[in-house]
């Protein structure tokens, strides 16, 4: 009876060790993939979200100013045609 219990204890310890090892390998693989992804992104020379939003706001302001200037030029051209 004691031999059976010892075999089960040994098997349980072996399984616990294997699970711990598998979890450690999974964590190490995840860390490796994260490092590789960070390096890949750094090499791609991508912009941050803050930089993108700032440029987007500048572009929207420039577009609004261009639209306002276009309307002003059209009004001035119309006024010159009416005077002629």
Protein backbone atom coordinates (compact mmCIF):
# COMPACT_ATOMS: atom_id res chain seq x y z
CA UNK A 1 0.00 0.00 0.00
CA UNK A 2 2.80 2.35 0.85
CA UNK A 3 4.50 1.67 -2.50
CA UNK A 4 1.39 2.79 -4.39
CA UNK A 5 1.20 5.98 -2.34
CA UNK A 6 4.89 6.66 -2.95
CA UNK A 7 4.43 6.20 -6.70
CA UNK A 8 1.50 8.62 -6.71
CA UNK A 9 3.49 11.11 -4.62
CA UNK A 10 6.42 10.87 -7.02
CA UNK A 11 4.09 11.25 -9.99
CA UNK A 12 2.42 14.28 -8.40
CA UNK A 13 5.80 15.90 -7.74
CA UNK A 14 6.89 15.17 -11.30
CA UNK A 15 3.69 16.68 -12.73
CA UNK A 16 3.98 19.74 -10.47
CA UNK A 17 7.56 20.27 -11.60
CA UNK A 18 6.60 19.85 -15.24
CA UNK A 19 3.76 22.35 -14.92
CA UNK A 20 6.07 24.84 -13.23
CA UNK A 21 8.65 24.36 -15.95
CA UNK A 22 6.02 24.76 -18.70
CA UNK A 23 4.72 27.95 -17.07
CA UNK A 24 8.26 29.31 -16.80
CA UNK A 25 8.93 28.53 -20.44
CA UNK A 26 5.67 30.23 -21.40
CA UNK A 27 6.61 33.35 -19.45
CA UNK A 28 10.05 33.37 -21.03
CA UNK A 29 8.58 32.98 -24.52
CA UNK A 30 6.15 35.81 -23.85
CA UNK A 31 8.98 38.03 -22.65
CA UNK A 32 11.06 37.17 -25.72
CA UNK A 33 8.18 37.96 -28.08
CA UNK A 34 7.50 41.27 -26.33
CA UNK A 35 11.18 42.23 -26.64
CA UNK A 36 11.21 41.32 -30.33
CA UNK A 37 8.00 43.29 -30.95
CA UNK A 38 9.38 46.34 -29.13
CA UNK A 39 12.56 46.17 -31.19
CA UNK A 40 10.57 45.77 -34.41
CA UNK A 41 8.42 48.81 -33.60
CA UNK A 42 11.49 50.87 -32.70
CA UNK A 43 13.12 49.99 -36.02
CA UNK A 44 9.97 50.91 -37.96
CA UNK A 45 10.30 54.55 -36.81
CA UNK A 46 6.61 54.81 -35.96
CA UNK A 47 5.05 57.88 -34.36
CA UNK A 48 3.38 57.86 -30.98
CA UNK A 49 -0.34 58.40 -30.57
CA UNK A 50 0.30 61.83 -29.01
CA UNK A 51 2.42 62.93 -31.98
CA UNK A 52 -0.21 61.65 -34.39
CA UNK A 53 -3.01 63.50 -32.61
CA UNK A 54 -0.98 66.74 -32.54
CA UNK A 55 -0.32 66.57 -36.29
CA UNK A 56 -3.95 65.67 -36.91
CA UNK A 57 -5.08 68.79 -35.03
CA UNK A 58 -2.61 70.95 -36.98
CA UNK A 59 -3.88 69.52 -40.26
CA UNK A 60 -7.50 70.18 -39.27
CA UNK A 61 -6.65 73.78 -38.34
CA UNK A 62 -4.78 74.29 -41.64
CA UNK A 63 -7.72 72.85 -43.56
CA UNK A 64 -10.16 75.19 -41.79
CA UNK A 65 -7.90 78.17 -42.50
CA UNK A 66 -7.57 77.17 -46.17
CA UNK A 67 -11.36 76.87 -46.48
CA UNK A 68 -11.83 80.30 -44.90
CA UNK A 69 -9.24 81.84 -47.23
CA UNK A 70 -10.86 80.17 -50.26
CA UNK A 71 -14.23 81.68 -49.32
CA UNK A 72 -12.60 85.09 -48.84
CA UNK A 73 -10.86 84.92 -52.24
CA UNK A 74 -14.12 83.88 -53.91
CA UNK A 75 -15.92 86.80 -52.28
CA UNK A 76 -13.21 89.24 -53.39
CA UNK A 77 -13.26 87.86 -56.94
CA UNK A 78 -17.05 88.19 -57.02
CA UNK A 79 -16.77 91.78 -55.79
CA UNK A 80 -14.22 92.58 -58.53
CA UNK A 81 -16.49 91.05 -61.19
CA UNK A 82 -19.42 93.12 -59.94
CA UNK A 83 -17.32 96.32 -60.11
CA UNK A 84 -16.16 95.61 -63.64
